[in-house]
Amino acid sequence: MTSTTVASRRTGRPLADDSARGRRVRRRARLIAVLFVLPALLLLGALVVYPVLFSIGRSFFDASGTRFVGGDNYTEMFRDPATLKAIRNTAIWVVVAPTLLTGLGLILAVLVEKVRWATAFKLLLFMPMAVSFLAAGIIFRLAYDESPDKGVLNAAVVSVHDAFDGTSSYPTARARVGQELTQAHGGAYITTGSVSPGDSVNLPIVGVLPKDLPKNAAPAYPATTRKAAPGELSGVVYLDFTPGGGGKQGAVDPKESGLPGVTVEAVRDGKTVASTTTAADGSFHLAKLSGGPYQVKLPASNFAAPYQGISWLGPTLVTPSIIGAYLWIWTGFAMVLIGAGLSTLPRDALEAARIDGANEWQIFRRITVPLLAPVLTVVFITLVINVMKVFDLVYIIAPGPVQEDATVLATQMWLVSFGGGNNQGLGSALGVLLLLLVIPAMVVNVRRFRRSQR
C-alpha cells in the first residue's frame, strides 16, 4: 500500500482535493500580498520609476522638448565649463567628505566608550541631524559672514589676530596734506620740510569722528608751547577739527583734541633712527638725536584698515567651508553607526591583546579597525551616495557671485533646468549622469547588506 493511499484513507478525502485546496490557499495568499504591496508599488512607480524614465527620454530632446537631438545634450554637458567644474567639485566632495566623516565617526565612537556621560555626548553630536539642511545652510551662511560683527568665525579669527598683532588706532584717519605733511609711499605721511633737534612740529589729522576718539584723549596744545630739550624733536599730532565749527585749518585750536597712541618716527636718509608714541594730548618727543636734518614720519600702520578676517565664502574656500557645514550635520550619524558596530566586537579579543602587552593604539589599529571594516565600508558608501546628491547646503550657503565656483552636479542640474538656464534637456542629461554615478555605490551597498544577512 502506498503512502498516498494511506493519507487518503486517513483524511477520508481524495489527495487531489487536498492539492487543489493547497493551491487555492497559496493563490489567495499571493493575492493578499499583492494587494498589500500594490500601494507601495504605485507610489514607487509614480515617484521613482516614471520620473527616471521620463528624464532619460527628455535628455534626448532640445530645450523646448519638441526636437529630438540624440546625444547632443550629453556632448554639450562635457563641453560646458560650468558642468566640468560641477563634476570636479562633486569629485572633491566624494573623496573628502565621506573620508573625513568616517574617520571622525570612528575616532569619536572609540573615545565615547571611555566617557562617563556617553549617552549625553552622543545625543549632543547627533542633534544636528534633526536640523533641516535649509536651516543648517542659513546658520552657516551667517556663521561664515565676512563681517566680524555678524560672522561668528570671523569674529573669533579677528579677536585672535588682534590679540597678537594688534590693530591700528585710527583706520579712517588721514593727514591734512598741505604745508606740514605729504603722503609717502605705502600710505604713510611725512613732513614736507626738514627739521632739526630743538624744533617742534604740528601734525594735523582729519577723518576721525569725535565719538571714535580714545577715552583718554586730552585737548591738544601747539607744539611751540613746549620747549624741546637738546637733541630732541617735539611736536603734537592732533585732530584738526573744531566741534561746532570755526577754527583755522592747520593750526591747533583750543577745542581740538590730541590723538594718543600714534606712532611717530624720525627719519634720516630714508632710515628710521628714532620712534615714539604720542601721549594723551597728542604730544611726542623724539630724544637722543644727533645733528639733523630729519623728517618726521607717521607710519601707515597708524591708519591701516582693521583686519577683517578670512573670506570663507570666497572662490577659494567656499567648497571647503560648505563641506565643513556638512561635517557638522553628519558626524553624529557616522559616530552612532560605528558605535553600534563597536558594541558588537568580541571583548575577549581586546582583553587578550591587553594581557599580551599591546597598548591602546596597537589594539585600535590591529584589532578594532579590521573588525570594524564591514561597518566602516557601509558607512562610507552610504555617505558617498548621500554626498553625490547634496544640493541644499551648496545652494543656500554659496553667495550668488561664487555659486558657480561651489556648484556640484545636483545644483548644476537645477540651475540649468530651472535656475535661469531653462534647458531641461541638458538638465535631464545631468540628472541621468548623476543617476549613473550613484548606481554603482548603491549596488555595492545592497550586495554588502545581502552578504551580512547570510
Foldseek 3Di string as FASTA:
>chain_A
DDPLVVVCVVVVHHVVVVVVVVVVVVVVVVVVVCVVCVVVVVCCCVPPVVVLVVLVVLLQAWLVSPHGNGCPLVVVLVVDPLNVLQAVLLVVLLPPLLVVLLVLLQVLLVVLVVDPPSVVVLCVLQVLLVPDLQVLLVVLLQCLDLALVGHVVLVVVLVVCCVPPNAALAQQKAWPDDQAWDADPPGKIKGPDWDWQFEEDETEMERADPVSADPLWDQADARVVDGGDGQKYKYFYWHQDAPPDDDDPPDRDRRTITHWFFKKFKDDPRDTDFIDTADNRRMDMTHDHDTDTTMMMGDNRNNHDRDRGDNCQDLPNNSVSLSVSVSSNCSSVSNVQLSVQQVPFDVVVVVVCVVVPDDPVCCCVPPVCVSSVLSSLLSSLVVSLVSLQDDSNLVSNRDPVNSSSNHHLNNVLCCCCPVPVSISSSSSVSVVVSVVVSVVSVVVNVVSVVVVVD
